[in-house]
Every structure is written in structure tokens, then in C-alpha cells.
N, C-alpha and C. Protein backbone atom coordinates (compact mmCIF):
# COMPACT_ATOMS: atom_id res chain seq x y z
N UNK A 1 0.84 -1.21 0.00
CA UNK A 1 0.00 0.00 0.00
C UNK A 1 0.87 1.26 0.00
N UNK A 2 1.91 1.22 0.84
CA UNK A 2 2.81 2.37 0.94
C UNK A 2 3.55 2.61 -0.37
N UNK A 3 3.95 1.50 -1.03
CA UNK A 3 4.63 1.60 -2.33
C UNK A 3 3.72 2.20 -3.40
N UNK A 4 2.42 1.79 -3.35
CA UNK A 4 1.44 2.32 -4.32
C UNK A 4 1.24 3.81 -4.14
N UNK A 5 1.15 4.24 -2.87
CA UNK A 5 0.98 5.66 -2.56
C UNK A 5 2.18 6.47 -3.06
N UNK A 6 3.38 5.93 -2.82
CA UNK A 6 4.61 6.60 -3.29
C UNK A 6 4.64 6.69 -4.82
N UNK A 7 4.19 5.60 -5.47
CA UNK A 7 4.17 5.58 -6.93
C UNK A 7 3.19 6.61 -7.48
N UNK A 8 2.00 6.68 -6.87
CA UNK A 8 0.98 7.67 -7.29
C UNK A 8 1.49 9.09 -7.07
N UNK A 9 2.11 9.31 -5.90
CA UNK A 9 2.68 10.63 -5.58
C UNK A 9 3.75 11.02 -6.59
N UNK A 10 4.58 10.04 -6.96
CA UNK A 10 5.66 10.28 -7.93
C UNK A 10 5.09 10.64 -9.30
N UNK A 11 4.03 9.94 -9.70
CA UNK A 11 3.38 10.21 -11.00
C UNK A 11 2.77 11.62 -11.01
N UNK A 12 2.12 12.00 -9.90
CA UNK A 12 1.50 13.33 -9.79
C UNK A 12 2.56 14.42 -9.87
N UNK A 13 3.67 14.22 -9.13
CA UNK A 13 4.76 15.20 -9.13
C UNK A 13 5.35 15.37 -10.54
N UNK A 14 5.56 14.24 -11.20
CA UNK A 14 6.12 14.27 -12.55
C UNK A 14 5.17 14.98 -13.53
N UNK A 15 3.87 14.71 -13.38
CA UNK A 15 2.87 15.36 -14.23
C UNK A 15 2.88 16.88 -14.03
N UNK A 16 2.95 17.32 -12.77
CA UNK A 16 2.96 18.76 -12.47
C UNK A 16 4.24 19.41 -13.00
N UNK A 17 5.38 18.75 -12.80
CA UNK A 17 6.67 19.29 -13.28
C UNK A 17 6.67 19.41 -14.81
N UNK A 18 6.16 18.39 -15.48
CA UNK A 18 6.13 18.39 -16.96
C UNK A 18 5.18 19.44 -17.53
N UNK A 19 4.22 19.86 -16.72
CA UNK A 19 3.21 20.84 -17.18
C UNK A 19 3.17 22.08 -16.28
N UNK A 20 4.33 22.43 -15.72
CA UNK A 20 4.35 23.50 -14.72
C UNK A 20 3.91 24.85 -15.28
N UNK A 21 4.25 25.15 -16.55
CA UNK A 21 3.84 26.43 -17.14
C UNK A 21 2.32 26.51 -17.23
N UNK A 22 1.72 25.42 -17.69
CA UNK A 22 0.25 25.37 -17.81
C UNK A 22 -0.41 25.50 -16.43
N UNK A 23 0.16 24.81 -15.45
CA UNK A 23 -0.40 24.88 -14.09
C UNK A 23 -0.29 26.28 -13.50
N UNK A 24 0.82 26.95 -13.78
CA UNK A 24 1.00 28.32 -13.27
C UNK A 24 -0.06 29.24 -13.88
N UNK A 25 -0.27 29.13 -15.19
CA UNK A 25 -1.25 29.98 -15.88
C UNK A 25 -2.67 29.71 -15.36
N UNK A 26 -3.05 28.43 -15.29
CA UNK A 26 -4.40 28.07 -14.85
C UNK A 26 -4.62 28.47 -13.39
N UNK A 27 -3.61 28.25 -12.55
CA UNK A 27 -3.72 28.62 -11.12
C UNK A 27 -3.84 30.13 -10.96
N UNK A 28 -3.10 30.89 -11.77
CA UNK A 28 -3.19 32.35 -11.72
C UNK A 28 -4.60 32.82 -12.10
N UNK A 29 -5.18 32.19 -13.13
CA UNK A 29 -6.56 32.53 -13.54
C UNK A 29 -7.52 32.26 -12.38
N UNK A 30 -7.34 31.13 -11.71
CA UNK A 30 -8.19 30.77 -10.58
C UNK A 30 -8.04 31.78 -9.43
N UNK A 31 -6.81 32.18 -9.14
CA UNK A 31 -6.54 33.15 -8.07
C UNK A 31 -7.14 34.51 -8.42
N UNK A 32 -7.02 34.91 -9.69
CA UNK A 32 -7.65 36.17 -10.13
C UNK A 32 -9.16 36.11 -9.91
N UNK A 33 -9.75 34.94 -10.20
CA UNK A 33 -11.19 34.75 -9.95
C UNK A 33 -11.54 34.93 -8.49
N UNK A 34 -10.73 34.35 -7.60
CA UNK A 34 -10.95 34.51 -6.15
C UNK A 34 -10.88 35.97 -5.76
N UNK A 35 -9.86 36.66 -6.27
CA UNK A 35 -9.68 38.08 -5.97
C UNK A 35 -10.88 38.90 -6.46
N UNK A 36 -11.37 38.60 -7.66
CA UNK A 36 -12.53 39.32 -8.21
C UNK A 36 -13.78 39.07 -7.37
N UNK A 37 -13.93 37.82 -6.86
CA UNK A 37 -15.06 37.48 -6.00
C UNK A 37 -15.06 38.28 -4.71
N UNK A 38 -13.88 38.39 -4.10
CA UNK A 38 -13.72 39.19 -2.87
C UNK A 38 -14.00 40.66 -3.16
N UNK A 39 -13.45 41.15 -4.27
CA UNK A 39 -13.63 42.56 -4.67
C UNK A 39 -15.10 42.87 -4.93
N UNK A 40 -15.80 41.94 -5.59
CA UNK A 40 -17.22 42.13 -5.89
C UNK A 40 -18.04 42.23 -4.61
N UNK A 41 -17.73 41.36 -3.63
CA UNK A 41 -18.46 41.40 -2.37
C UNK A 41 -18.24 42.71 -1.63
N UNK A 42 -17.02 43.24 -1.72
CA UNK A 42 -16.71 44.50 -1.02
C UNK A 42 -17.41 45.70 -1.65
N UNK A 43 -17.92 45.52 -2.87
CA UNK A 43 -18.54 46.65 -3.57
C UNK A 43 -20.07 46.53 -3.73
N UNK A 44 -20.65 45.46 -3.19
CA UNK A 44 -22.11 45.36 -3.28
C UNK A 44 -22.78 46.24 -2.24
N UNK A 45 -24.02 46.59 -2.49
CA UNK A 45 -24.74 47.50 -1.60
C UNK A 45 -25.16 46.80 -0.32
N UNK A 46 -25.45 47.62 0.70
CA UNK A 46 -25.77 47.09 2.03
C UNK A 46 -27.04 46.24 2.02
N UNK A 47 -28.05 46.67 1.27
CA UNK A 47 -29.30 45.89 1.23
C UNK A 47 -29.11 44.52 0.58
N UNK A 48 -28.17 44.45 -0.40
CA UNK A 48 -27.86 43.16 -1.01
C UNK A 48 -27.15 42.24 -0.03
N UNK A 49 -26.27 42.83 0.81
CA UNK A 49 -25.58 42.06 1.84
C UNK A 49 -26.58 41.51 2.85
N UNK A 50 -27.56 42.32 3.18
CA UNK A 50 -28.60 41.89 4.14
C UNK A 50 -29.42 40.73 3.57
N UNK A 51 -29.72 40.81 2.28
CA UNK A 51 -30.46 39.73 1.62
C UNK A 51 -29.67 38.42 1.64
N UNK A 52 -28.38 38.54 1.37
CA UNK A 52 -27.51 37.36 1.39
C UNK A 52 -27.40 36.81 2.81
N UNK A 53 -27.31 37.72 3.79
CA UNK A 53 -27.26 37.30 5.20
C UNK A 53 -28.51 36.53 5.59
N UNK A 54 -29.66 37.01 5.13
CA UNK A 54 -30.94 36.33 5.40
C UNK A 54 -30.94 34.94 4.76
N UNK A 55 -30.41 34.86 3.55
CA UNK A 55 -30.34 33.56 2.84
C UNK A 55 -29.46 32.58 3.61
N UNK A 56 -28.31 33.06 4.10
CA UNK A 56 -27.39 32.19 4.86
C UNK A 56 -28.06 31.68 6.13
N UNK A 57 -28.73 32.58 6.83
CA UNK A 57 -29.44 32.19 8.06
C UNK A 57 -30.53 31.15 7.78
N UNK A 58 -31.28 31.39 6.71
CA UNK A 58 -32.35 30.44 6.33
C UNK A 58 -31.77 29.08 5.99
N UNK A 59 -30.65 29.09 5.26
CA UNK A 59 -29.99 27.85 4.87
C UNK A 59 -29.52 27.07 6.10
N UNK A 60 -28.90 27.77 7.03
CA UNK A 60 -28.39 27.11 8.26
C UNK A 60 -29.55 26.55 9.08
N UNK A 61 -30.64 27.32 9.19
CA UNK A 61 -31.83 26.84 9.92
C UNK A 61 -32.40 25.58 9.28
N UNK A 62 -32.46 25.56 7.96
CA UNK A 62 -32.99 24.39 7.25
C UNK A 62 -32.12 23.16 7.51
N UNK A 63 -30.81 23.35 7.44
CA UNK A 63 -29.88 22.25 7.67
C UNK A 63 -30.02 21.72 9.09
N UNK A 64 -30.13 22.64 10.04
CA UNK A 64 -30.23 22.26 11.46
C UNK A 64 -31.52 21.50 11.76
N UNK A 65 -32.60 21.89 11.08
CA UNK A 65 -33.93 21.32 11.41
C UNK A 65 -34.33 20.13 10.54
N UNK A 66 -33.48 19.76 9.61
CA UNK A 66 -33.79 18.57 8.80
C UNK A 66 -33.71 17.33 9.68
N UNK A 67 -34.79 16.57 9.72
CA UNK A 67 -34.80 15.35 10.54
C UNK A 67 -34.26 14.17 9.75
N UNK A 68 -34.76 13.98 8.55
CA UNK A 68 -34.28 12.89 7.70
C UNK A 68 -33.65 13.47 6.44
N UNK A 69 -32.39 13.16 6.25
CA UNK A 69 -31.66 13.68 5.10
C UNK A 69 -31.60 12.62 4.00
N UNK A 70 -32.01 13.00 2.81
CA UNK A 70 -31.94 12.09 1.67
C UNK A 70 -30.54 12.21 1.05
N UNK A 71 -29.59 11.49 1.64
CA UNK A 71 -28.19 11.58 1.20
C UNK A 71 -28.00 11.11 -0.24
N UNK A 72 -28.78 10.12 -0.63
CA UNK A 72 -28.65 9.59 -2.00
C UNK A 72 -28.99 10.66 -3.02
N UNK A 73 -30.08 11.40 -2.75
CA UNK A 73 -30.52 12.46 -3.68
C UNK A 73 -29.48 13.58 -3.72
N UNK A 74 -28.99 13.98 -2.54
CA UNK A 74 -27.97 15.04 -2.47
C UNK A 74 -26.70 14.62 -3.20
N UNK A 75 -26.31 13.36 -3.00
CA UNK A 75 -25.11 12.84 -3.65
C UNK A 75 -25.29 12.79 -5.16
N UNK A 76 -26.47 12.36 -5.61
CA UNK A 76 -26.76 12.32 -7.05
C UNK A 76 -26.63 13.70 -7.68
N UNK A 77 -27.21 14.70 -6.99
CA UNK A 77 -27.17 16.08 -7.49
C UNK A 77 -25.73 16.58 -7.60
N UNK A 78 -24.95 16.35 -6.54
CA UNK A 78 -23.56 16.79 -6.51
C UNK A 78 -22.74 16.09 -7.59
N UNK A 79 -22.93 14.78 -7.73
CA UNK A 79 -22.19 14.02 -8.74
C UNK A 79 -22.56 14.49 -10.16
N UNK A 80 -23.86 14.73 -10.41
CA UNK A 80 -24.29 15.19 -11.73
C UNK A 80 -23.68 16.55 -12.06
N UNK A 81 -23.58 17.42 -11.06
CA UNK A 81 -22.96 18.73 -11.29
C UNK A 81 -21.49 18.58 -11.67
N UNK A 82 -20.80 17.67 -10.99
CA UNK A 82 -19.39 17.45 -11.28
C UNK A 82 -19.17 16.74 -12.61
N UNK A 83 -20.10 15.85 -12.97
CA UNK A 83 -20.03 15.21 -14.28
C UNK A 83 -20.21 16.26 -15.38
N UNK A 84 -21.17 17.15 -15.18
CA UNK A 84 -21.41 18.24 -16.15
C UNK A 84 -20.17 19.11 -16.29
N UNK A 85 -19.53 19.42 -15.16
CA UNK A 85 -18.31 20.23 -15.19
C UNK A 85 -17.21 19.52 -15.97
N UNK A 86 -16.99 18.25 -15.66
CA UNK A 86 -15.93 17.47 -16.30
C UNK A 86 -16.17 17.34 -17.81
N UNK A 87 -17.41 17.05 -18.20
CA UNK A 87 -17.75 16.90 -19.63
C UNK A 87 -17.58 18.22 -20.36
N UNK A 88 -18.00 19.31 -19.71
CA UNK A 88 -17.88 20.65 -20.33
C UNK A 88 -16.42 21.02 -20.57
N UNK A 89 -15.59 20.84 -19.52
CA UNK A 89 -14.16 21.17 -19.66
C UNK A 89 -13.50 20.24 -20.67
N UNK A 90 -13.87 18.95 -20.64
CA UNK A 90 -13.30 18.01 -21.62
C UNK A 90 -13.66 18.42 -23.04
N UNK A 91 -14.95 18.72 -23.26
CA UNK A 91 -15.42 19.04 -24.61
C UNK A 91 -14.75 20.30 -25.15
N UNK A 92 -14.78 21.38 -24.37
CA UNK A 92 -14.20 22.64 -24.85
C UNK A 92 -12.68 22.56 -24.92
N UNK A 93 -12.09 21.65 -24.13
CA UNK A 93 -10.65 21.43 -24.19
C UNK A 93 -10.21 20.75 -25.47
N UNK A 94 -11.13 20.08 -26.15
CA UNK A 94 -10.80 19.39 -27.40
C UNK A 94 -10.95 20.28 -28.62
N UNK A 95 -11.40 21.51 -28.44
CA UNK A 95 -11.58 22.44 -29.56
C UNK A 95 -10.67 23.66 -29.38
N UNK A 96 -10.11 24.13 -30.46
CA UNK A 96 -9.21 25.29 -30.39
C UNK A 96 -9.94 26.53 -29.90
N UNK A 97 -11.16 26.74 -30.41
CA UNK A 97 -11.91 27.95 -30.04
C UNK A 97 -12.53 27.83 -28.64
N UNK A 98 -12.51 26.62 -28.06
CA UNK A 98 -13.17 26.43 -26.77
C UNK A 98 -12.30 26.70 -25.56
N UNK A 99 -10.98 26.89 -25.77
CA UNK A 99 -10.08 27.05 -24.62
C UNK A 99 -10.39 28.32 -23.79
N UNK A 100 -10.83 29.44 -24.41
CA UNK A 100 -11.22 30.59 -23.58
C UNK A 100 -12.39 30.25 -22.63
N UNK A 101 -13.27 29.35 -23.06
CA UNK A 101 -14.38 28.93 -22.20
C UNK A 101 -13.86 28.13 -21.01
N UNK A 102 -12.84 27.29 -21.26
CA UNK A 102 -12.20 26.55 -20.16
C UNK A 102 -11.60 27.54 -19.16
N UNK A 103 -10.90 28.56 -19.66
CA UNK A 103 -10.34 29.59 -18.78
C UNK A 103 -11.46 30.31 -18.02
N UNK A 104 -12.56 30.56 -18.74
CA UNK A 104 -13.71 31.24 -18.11
C UNK A 104 -14.32 30.42 -16.98
N UNK A 105 -14.39 29.11 -17.17
CA UNK A 105 -14.93 28.22 -16.13
C UNK A 105 -14.05 28.28 -14.88
N UNK A 106 -12.73 28.22 -15.09
CA UNK A 106 -11.79 28.30 -13.96
C UNK A 106 -11.92 29.64 -13.25
N UNK A 107 -12.00 30.72 -14.04
CA UNK A 107 -12.16 32.06 -13.47
C UNK A 107 -13.45 32.16 -12.66
N UNK A 108 -14.54 31.62 -13.22
CA UNK A 108 -15.85 31.67 -12.56
C UNK A 108 -15.84 30.88 -11.26
N UNK A 109 -15.22 29.70 -11.27
CA UNK A 109 -15.13 28.88 -10.05
C UNK A 109 -14.33 29.59 -8.97
N UNK A 110 -13.25 30.26 -9.39
CA UNK A 110 -12.47 31.06 -8.44
C UNK A 110 -13.29 32.21 -7.89
N UNK A 111 -14.04 32.87 -8.78
CA UNK A 111 -14.91 33.98 -8.37
C UNK A 111 -15.92 33.51 -7.33
N UNK A 112 -16.58 32.39 -7.59
CA UNK A 112 -17.59 31.85 -6.67
C UNK A 112 -16.99 31.54 -5.30
N UNK A 113 -15.79 30.95 -5.31
CA UNK A 113 -15.13 30.60 -4.05
C UNK A 113 -14.75 31.86 -3.27
N UNK A 114 -14.14 32.82 -3.98
CA UNK A 114 -13.75 34.07 -3.33
C UNK A 114 -14.94 34.82 -2.78
N UNK A 115 -16.02 34.86 -3.56
CA UNK A 115 -17.23 35.56 -3.13
C UNK A 115 -17.86 34.88 -1.92
N UNK A 116 -17.92 33.55 -1.95
CA UNK A 116 -18.52 32.79 -0.84
C UNK A 116 -17.73 32.99 0.45
N UNK A 117 -16.41 32.87 0.36
CA UNK A 117 -15.55 33.05 1.54
C UNK A 117 -15.71 34.46 2.08
N UNK A 118 -15.68 35.44 1.19
CA UNK A 118 -15.76 36.85 1.60
C UNK A 118 -17.10 37.17 2.26
N UNK A 119 -18.20 36.68 1.67
CA UNK A 119 -19.53 37.00 2.20
C UNK A 119 -19.76 36.32 3.54
N UNK A 120 -19.26 35.11 3.71
CA UNK A 120 -19.42 34.39 4.98
C UNK A 120 -18.67 35.09 6.10
N UNK A 121 -17.44 35.53 5.81
CA UNK A 121 -16.64 36.21 6.83
C UNK A 121 -17.21 37.58 7.15
N UNK A 122 -17.65 38.32 6.12
CA UNK A 122 -18.19 39.66 6.36
C UNK A 122 -19.53 39.61 7.10
N UNK A 123 -20.31 38.54 6.88
CA UNK A 123 -21.61 38.43 7.54
C UNK A 123 -21.51 37.80 8.93
N UNK A 124 -20.72 36.75 9.09
CA UNK A 124 -20.64 36.03 10.35
C UNK A 124 -19.52 36.52 11.28
N UNK A 125 -18.61 37.31 10.74
CA UNK A 125 -17.42 37.66 11.50
C UNK A 125 -16.32 36.67 11.17
N UNK A 126 -15.07 37.04 11.52
CA UNK A 126 -13.94 36.24 11.08
C UNK A 126 -13.94 34.82 11.64
N UNK A 127 -14.10 34.69 12.95
CA UNK A 127 -13.97 33.36 13.59
C UNK A 127 -15.09 32.41 13.16
N UNK A 128 -16.36 32.88 13.26
CA UNK A 128 -17.50 32.03 12.86
C UNK A 128 -17.50 31.77 11.37
N UNK A 129 -17.19 32.81 10.60
CA UNK A 129 -17.16 32.69 9.15
C UNK A 129 -16.10 31.70 8.70
N UNK A 130 -14.92 31.78 9.32
CA UNK A 130 -13.84 30.86 8.99
C UNK A 130 -14.21 29.43 9.34
N UNK A 131 -14.83 29.26 10.51
CA UNK A 131 -15.27 27.92 10.93
C UNK A 131 -16.31 27.36 9.97
N UNK A 132 -17.25 28.20 9.56
CA UNK A 132 -18.29 27.79 8.61
C UNK A 132 -17.66 27.35 7.28
N UNK A 133 -16.67 28.11 6.81
CA UNK A 133 -15.99 27.79 5.55
C UNK A 133 -15.23 26.47 5.66
N UNK A 134 -14.53 26.28 6.78
CA UNK A 134 -13.76 25.04 6.98
C UNK A 134 -14.69 23.83 6.98
N UNK A 135 -15.83 23.97 7.66
CA UNK A 135 -16.78 22.85 7.77
C UNK A 135 -17.47 22.57 6.44
N UNK A 136 -17.95 23.61 5.79
CA UNK A 136 -18.81 23.43 4.61
C UNK A 136 -18.07 23.38 3.28
N UNK A 137 -16.85 23.94 3.22
CA UNK A 137 -16.16 24.06 1.93
C UNK A 137 -14.79 23.40 1.84
N UNK A 138 -14.05 23.41 2.95
CA UNK A 138 -12.64 23.06 2.88
C UNK A 138 -12.38 21.63 2.41
N UNK A 139 -13.02 20.65 3.05
CA UNK A 139 -12.67 19.25 2.82
C UNK A 139 -12.86 18.83 1.36
N UNK A 140 -14.04 19.12 0.80
CA UNK A 140 -14.28 18.70 -0.59
C UNK A 140 -13.46 19.50 -1.58
N UNK A 141 -13.16 20.78 -1.24
CA UNK A 141 -12.39 21.61 -2.16
C UNK A 141 -10.91 21.25 -2.20
N UNK A 142 -10.41 20.60 -1.14
CA UNK A 142 -9.04 20.09 -1.17
C UNK A 142 -8.89 19.07 -2.30
N UNK A 143 -9.98 18.35 -2.57
CA UNK A 143 -9.99 17.36 -3.66
C UNK A 143 -10.48 17.99 -4.96
N UNK A 144 -11.54 18.81 -4.86
CA UNK A 144 -12.21 19.36 -6.04
C UNK A 144 -11.32 20.32 -6.84
N UNK A 145 -10.69 21.26 -6.14
CA UNK A 145 -9.93 22.32 -6.83
C UNK A 145 -8.74 21.76 -7.63
N UNK A 146 -7.89 20.90 -7.04
CA UNK A 146 -6.80 20.33 -7.85
C UNK A 146 -7.30 19.55 -9.07
N UNK A 147 -8.41 18.81 -8.90
CA UNK A 147 -8.96 18.03 -10.02
C UNK A 147 -9.46 18.95 -11.12
N UNK A 148 -10.14 20.03 -10.74
CA UNK A 148 -10.66 20.97 -11.72
C UNK A 148 -9.51 21.67 -12.47
N UNK A 149 -8.48 22.09 -11.72
CA UNK A 149 -7.32 22.74 -12.34
C UNK A 149 -6.59 21.78 -13.27
N UNK A 150 -6.48 20.52 -12.84
CA UNK A 150 -5.81 19.51 -13.68
C UNK A 150 -6.58 19.26 -14.97
N UNK A 151 -7.91 19.26 -14.89
CA UNK A 151 -8.76 19.12 -16.08
C UNK A 151 -8.50 20.26 -17.06
N UNK A 152 -8.45 21.47 -16.52
CA UNK A 152 -8.22 22.65 -17.36
C UNK A 152 -6.82 22.61 -17.97
N UNK A 153 -5.84 22.17 -17.20
CA UNK A 153 -4.46 22.05 -17.71
C UNK A 153 -4.40 21.05 -18.85
N UNK A 154 -5.10 19.92 -18.70
CA UNK A 154 -5.13 18.90 -19.75
C UNK A 154 -5.71 19.47 -21.05
N UNK A 155 -6.81 20.24 -20.92
CA UNK A 155 -7.40 20.88 -22.09
C UNK A 155 -6.48 21.91 -22.71
N UNK A 156 -5.79 22.67 -21.86
CA UNK A 156 -4.85 23.70 -22.32
C UNK A 156 -3.67 23.06 -23.06
N UNK A 157 -3.19 21.94 -22.51
CA UNK A 157 -2.08 21.21 -23.12
C UNK A 157 -2.49 20.67 -24.50
N UNK A 158 -3.71 20.15 -24.59
CA UNK A 158 -4.22 19.65 -25.87
C UNK A 158 -4.32 20.78 -26.88
N UNK A 159 -4.80 21.93 -26.43
CA UNK A 159 -4.92 23.11 -27.29
C UNK A 159 -3.55 23.49 -27.87
N UNK A 160 -2.53 23.50 -27.02
CA UNK A 160 -1.18 23.85 -27.47
C UNK A 160 -0.65 22.81 -28.46
N UNK A 161 -0.98 21.54 -28.20
CA UNK A 161 -0.55 20.47 -29.11
C UNK A 161 -1.19 20.61 -30.49
N UNK A 162 -2.47 20.96 -30.51
CA UNK A 162 -3.20 21.14 -31.78
C UNK A 162 -2.61 22.31 -32.57
N UNK A 163 -2.26 23.40 -31.86
CA UNK A 163 -1.69 24.58 -32.52
C UNK A 163 -0.31 24.28 -33.10
N UNK A 164 0.51 23.53 -32.32
CA UNK A 164 1.89 23.27 -32.74
C UNK A 164 2.00 22.16 -33.78
N UNK A 165 1.19 21.11 -33.58
CA UNK A 165 1.32 19.91 -34.42
C UNK A 165 0.07 19.71 -35.26
N UNK A 166 0.22 19.74 -36.56
CA UNK A 166 -0.92 19.59 -37.46
C UNK A 166 -1.18 18.13 -37.89
N UNK A 167 -0.34 17.22 -37.42
CA UNK A 167 -0.50 15.81 -37.79
C UNK A 167 -1.74 15.20 -37.17
N UNK A 168 -2.59 14.63 -38.01
CA UNK A 168 -3.87 14.09 -37.53
C UNK A 168 -3.69 12.98 -36.52
N UNK A 169 -2.72 12.08 -36.76
CA UNK A 169 -2.51 10.94 -35.86
C UNK A 169 -2.05 11.41 -34.49
N UNK A 170 -1.15 12.38 -34.47
CA UNK A 170 -0.65 12.93 -33.20
C UNK A 170 -1.76 13.61 -32.42
N UNK A 171 -2.62 14.34 -33.15
CA UNK A 171 -3.74 15.02 -32.51
C UNK A 171 -4.73 14.02 -31.92
N UNK A 172 -4.98 12.94 -32.67
CA UNK A 172 -5.86 11.88 -32.16
C UNK A 172 -5.32 11.27 -30.88
N UNK A 173 -4.01 11.07 -30.84
CA UNK A 173 -3.36 10.50 -29.65
C UNK A 173 -3.49 11.45 -28.47
N UNK A 174 -3.30 12.75 -28.71
CA UNK A 174 -3.41 13.75 -27.64
C UNK A 174 -4.85 13.84 -27.12
N UNK A 175 -5.81 13.75 -28.05
CA UNK A 175 -7.23 13.77 -27.64
C UNK A 175 -7.55 12.56 -26.78
N UNK A 176 -6.99 11.40 -27.16
CA UNK A 176 -7.19 10.18 -26.37
C UNK A 176 -6.60 10.33 -24.97
N UNK A 177 -5.41 10.89 -24.88
CA UNK A 177 -4.76 11.13 -23.58
C UNK A 177 -5.59 12.09 -22.73
N UNK A 178 -6.06 13.14 -23.38
CA UNK A 178 -6.90 14.13 -22.68
C UNK A 178 -8.18 13.48 -22.16
N UNK A 179 -8.77 12.59 -22.97
CA UNK A 179 -10.01 11.91 -22.59
C UNK A 179 -9.78 10.97 -21.40
N UNK A 180 -8.71 10.18 -21.46
CA UNK A 180 -8.39 9.26 -20.36
C UNK A 180 -8.10 10.03 -19.07
N UNK A 181 -7.31 11.10 -19.21
CA UNK A 181 -6.99 11.92 -18.04
C UNK A 181 -8.26 12.56 -17.46
N UNK A 182 -9.15 13.01 -18.33
CA UNK A 182 -10.41 13.62 -17.89
C UNK A 182 -11.27 12.62 -17.13
N UNK A 183 -11.28 11.37 -17.58
CA UNK A 183 -12.04 10.33 -16.89
C UNK A 183 -11.46 10.06 -15.49
N UNK A 184 -10.14 10.09 -15.39
CA UNK A 184 -9.50 9.91 -14.07
C UNK A 184 -9.88 11.06 -13.14
N UNK A 185 -9.84 12.28 -13.69
CA UNK A 185 -10.20 13.46 -12.87
C UNK A 185 -11.68 13.45 -12.51
N UNK A 186 -12.51 12.86 -13.37
CA UNK A 186 -13.94 12.73 -13.07
C UNK A 186 -14.12 11.84 -11.83
N UNK A 187 -13.36 10.78 -11.75
CA UNK A 187 -13.41 9.90 -10.57
C UNK A 187 -13.03 10.70 -9.31
N UNK A 188 -12.01 11.55 -9.43
CA UNK A 188 -11.59 12.39 -8.30
C UNK A 188 -12.69 13.38 -7.92
N UNK A 189 -13.35 13.95 -8.93
CA UNK A 189 -14.46 14.89 -8.68
C UNK A 189 -15.62 14.18 -7.98
N UNK A 190 -15.89 12.95 -8.37
CA UNK A 190 -16.93 12.16 -7.70
C UNK A 190 -16.56 11.91 -6.25
N UNK A 191 -15.26 11.69 -5.99
CA UNK A 191 -14.78 11.54 -4.61
C UNK A 191 -15.05 12.81 -3.80
N UNK A 192 -14.87 13.97 -4.44
CA UNK A 192 -15.14 15.24 -3.75
C UNK A 192 -16.63 15.38 -3.42
N UNK A 193 -17.50 14.83 -4.29
CA UNK A 193 -18.95 14.84 -4.02
C UNK A 193 -19.27 13.97 -2.79
N UNK A 194 -18.61 12.81 -2.72
CA UNK A 194 -18.82 11.90 -1.58
C UNK A 194 -18.37 12.58 -0.29
N UNK A 195 -17.23 13.28 -0.34
CA UNK A 195 -16.75 14.01 0.84
C UNK A 195 -17.71 15.13 1.21
N UNK A 196 -18.19 15.84 0.19
CA UNK A 196 -19.11 16.96 0.42
C UNK A 196 -20.37 16.53 1.14
N UNK A 197 -20.99 15.44 0.67
CA UNK A 197 -22.27 14.99 1.24
C UNK A 197 -22.06 14.11 2.47
N UNK A 198 -21.08 13.22 2.38
CA UNK A 198 -20.88 12.26 3.47
C UNK A 198 -20.20 12.82 4.69
N UNK A 199 -19.33 13.84 4.49
CA UNK A 199 -18.56 14.38 5.62
C UNK A 199 -18.96 15.83 5.92
N UNK A 200 -18.78 16.72 4.93
CA UNK A 200 -19.00 18.15 5.16
C UNK A 200 -20.44 18.46 5.55
N UNK A 201 -21.41 17.85 4.85
CA UNK A 201 -22.81 18.12 5.15
C UNK A 201 -23.17 17.65 6.55
N UNK A 202 -22.66 16.47 6.93
CA UNK A 202 -22.91 15.95 8.28
C UNK A 202 -22.30 16.85 9.35
N UNK A 203 -21.09 17.32 9.10
CA UNK A 203 -20.44 18.23 10.05
C UNK A 203 -21.25 19.51 10.20
N UNK A 204 -21.69 20.04 9.04
CA UNK A 204 -22.47 21.28 9.07
C UNK A 204 -23.78 21.09 9.82
N UNK A 205 -24.43 19.96 9.60
CA UNK A 205 -25.69 19.67 10.30
C UNK A 205 -25.50 19.58 11.80
N UNK A 206 -24.45 18.89 12.21
CA UNK A 206 -24.19 18.69 13.65
C UNK A 206 -23.70 19.95 14.35
N UNK A 207 -23.05 20.84 13.58
CA UNK A 207 -22.48 22.04 14.19
C UNK A 207 -23.23 23.32 13.83
N UNK A 208 -24.33 23.20 13.09
CA UNK A 208 -25.08 24.38 12.62
C UNK A 208 -25.61 25.22 13.76
N UNK A 209 -25.87 24.64 14.93
CA UNK A 209 -26.41 25.40 16.08
C UNK A 209 -25.41 26.46 16.57
N UNK A 210 -24.14 26.30 16.24
CA UNK A 210 -23.13 27.26 16.68
C UNK A 210 -23.08 28.50 15.78
N UNK A 211 -23.81 28.47 14.67
CA UNK A 211 -23.82 29.61 13.77
C UNK A 211 -25.07 30.46 13.93
């Protein structure tokens, strides 16, 4: 087991090193999205902040008062969302004109994360907001974010290969690699859904009274 873990770790490290330029670009886009999300929250009007605060309170109350949770339905919804994300990034990654959409998806995901973190902290205060973020977002995003970035990097790498190499056979091989890699990342995204519903949601339900 230990040897397998070391082998997987070695493969991941090698993949990141071989594609470090692509990872730097995609990660920067994601960070810019986070920054824009925080900036957007700082510039919204007070009445909009109050509406969002009311929504957060209502959401927490609903979670706290749920007696029977349909975990299967929640898991299905989360998995379908991640499948849609993976298929979208895979599809647009296979087209030259689709790569800006892949960048846009990464930027949007960063924006959503930055906005969510910022609004929770500004509404709940630093300590409660940070605790809420750790419980509800941290665990699944430790798995989700690297998988999403890796998907985008794979699409970006394919795009660069198509631009540089006009050989049909080589392009077919790169598309096949991109497809296989996307399927692996889809499995990782499904794991993030299981963590989200099986761990994070349960933690939030049990600790919601503190918010």
C-alpha cells in the first residue's frame, strides 16, 4: 500500500513538473477569480448584503432542522454537477476555439469561491465565518480544486498540441490522452462529491447550532 501511494505521488509530481507552465497559468486565472469574488463582495450595496445574510441564516436553519436527510438524492445532485463540469471542460478542451471557455470556467469557479468566503466572513465575523468555511467548503475543495485545475491544464495542453502539431494521428493520440486523463479526474471529482455529502454536510448539520 505504501509503495502504491509513493508511486501515485511520484506520477502526480512528474505530471505537475512536466506541465508546470500550464499549471502556473491556470492557477493564476483561478486566483484572479478569487480576488474578483472578494472585490465584488466588497462593492455590493448594504441591502444586497442583508439579503444574502438572510439567505445564509435560512440555509443554516434548514440544515439544522432537517430530521431525515436524503443523502442519496444530495449525492446524485452533486455528482451530476461534477459530471457536467468534467464533460464541459473536456469538450471545450478538445476544440481550439473552446479554450477561452475553459479559462472562463476556472475564473468563474475562483470567483464563486472568493465571493462565498468573503460573504461568509463579512456576515458572520472572522472566527465564525472561517469555521463555517472550513466545515462546509474546505474538505471537498481540497480534492475538487486540484482536479478541476488539472482538467483545465489537460485541455490547455491539448490546445497547445493542436496549434503546434498539425499531424492528424498525433492530434488523435493527444485527444485520447486528454479523454483518459479527464475520466480519471472525473473519478476524483466524484470523490469530492462523496466528501461533500458524506462528511462536510454531516459536520455542518451537527455544528449548525453554533452559527
